[in-house]
Amino acid sequence: MSKHLTLSVNGRSLTVPEGTVLAVALAEAGVTQFRRSVKGQARGPLCGMGICFECSVTIDGKLHQRSCQTLCQEGMEVTTDE
């Protein structure tokens, strides 16, 4: 049986299996808007390999973190522009 982690996404508690990539966890939780463009358009994961930065979120107060390259951690606090 796999270990599970609990993190906070936009103030909501989310429990995921250990080893889950943050972008996947957010998508499975129904988050579709990760950030906004400079013109205010909704953005979400595109390349899935850290090149496009469309999946950028705020993690533990650090802006512009690539969620597609980040494993979920216990107690992590994630904020999107949703």
Protein backbone atom coordinates (compact mmCIF):
# COMPACT_ATOMS: atom_id res chain seq x y z
CA MET A 1 0.00 0.00 0.00
CA SER A 2 1.40 3.41 -0.94
CA LYS A 3 1.91 6.24 1.48
CA HIS A 4 -0.28 9.32 1.05
CA LEU A 5 0.57 13.00 1.52
CA THR A 6 -1.66 15.91 2.38
CA LEU A 7 -1.09 19.36 0.90
CA SER A 8 -3.08 22.56 0.64
CA VAL A 9 -4.29 23.83 -2.75
CA ASN A 10 -5.90 27.28 -2.71
CA GLY A 11 -6.80 26.71 0.93
CA ARG A 12 -8.34 23.25 0.35
CA SER A 13 -6.82 20.05 1.67
CA LEU A 14 -5.75 17.53 -0.97
CA THR A 15 -4.47 14.00 -0.31
CA VAL A 16 -2.38 12.27 -2.98
CA PRO A 17 -0.16 9.19 -3.21
CA GLU A 18 3.53 9.78 -2.47
CA GLY A 19 5.47 10.39 -5.69
CA THR A 20 2.66 12.31 -7.41
CA VAL A 21 3.73 15.20 -9.64
CA LEU A 22 2.03 18.42 -8.54
CA ALA A 23 0.54 19.25 -11.97
CA VAL A 24 -1.12 15.83 -12.05
CA ALA A 25 -2.47 16.24 -8.52
CA LEU A 26 -3.93 19.64 -9.39
CA ALA A 27 -5.54 18.34 -12.58
CA GLU A 28 -7.05 15.35 -10.78
CA ALA A 29 -8.43 17.76 -8.16
CA GLY A 30 -10.23 19.66 -10.94
CA VAL A 31 -7.93 22.69 -11.09
CA THR A 32 -7.89 23.90 -14.69
CA GLN A 33 -6.37 27.36 -14.33
CA PHE A 34 -2.86 27.35 -12.93
CA ARG A 35 -1.91 30.95 -13.79
CA ARG A 36 -3.00 33.92 -15.92
CA SER A 37 -1.14 35.42 -18.87
CA VAL A 38 -0.21 39.08 -18.95
CA LYS A 39 -3.47 39.67 -20.85
CA GLY A 40 -5.49 37.79 -18.20
CA GLN A 41 -6.05 34.56 -20.12
CA ALA A 42 -6.25 31.31 -18.16
CA ARG A 43 -3.20 29.06 -18.53
CA GLY A 44 -2.47 25.46 -17.56
CA PRO A 45 0.06 22.71 -18.27
CA LEU A 46 1.09 22.44 -21.89
CA CYS A 47 4.45 20.73 -22.43
CA GLY A 48 4.70 18.65 -19.25
CA MET A 49 8.50 18.82 -19.25
CA GLY A 50 9.32 22.22 -17.75
CA ILE A 51 9.95 24.24 -20.90
CA CYS A 52 6.79 26.35 -21.36
CA PHE A 53 6.17 27.53 -17.74
CA GLU A 54 2.39 27.49 -18.37
CA CYS A 55 1.98 25.30 -15.27
CA SER A 56 3.56 27.88 -12.93
CA VAL A 57 2.09 28.10 -9.44
CA THR A 58 3.11 29.51 -6.07
CA ILE A 59 4.56 26.85 -3.76
CA ASP A 60 5.15 27.70 -0.09
CA GLY A 61 5.26 31.40 -0.99
CA LYS A 62 7.73 30.99 -3.87
CA LEU A 63 6.32 32.42 -7.11
CA HIS A 64 6.64 30.90 -10.59
CA GLN A 65 7.34 27.29 -9.64
CA ARG A 66 6.84 24.67 -12.37
CA SER A 67 4.23 22.24 -11.11
CA CYS A 68 5.04 19.69 -13.83
CA GLN A 69 8.55 19.32 -12.40
CA THR A 70 7.64 19.26 -8.70
CA LEU A 71 6.76 16.23 -6.60
CA CYS A 72 4.09 16.75 -3.96
CA GLN A 73 5.42 17.10 -0.43
CA GLU A 74 3.68 16.71 2.91
CA GLY A 75 2.28 20.07 4.08
CA MET A 76 3.07 21.88 0.82
CA GLU A 77 0.98 25.03 0.32
CA VAL A 78 0.08 25.65 -3.33
CA THR A 79 -1.69 28.68 -4.74
CA THR A 80 -2.91 28.99 -8.32
CA ASP A 81 -4.56 31.92 -10.08
CA GLU A 82 -7.87 30.05 -10.15
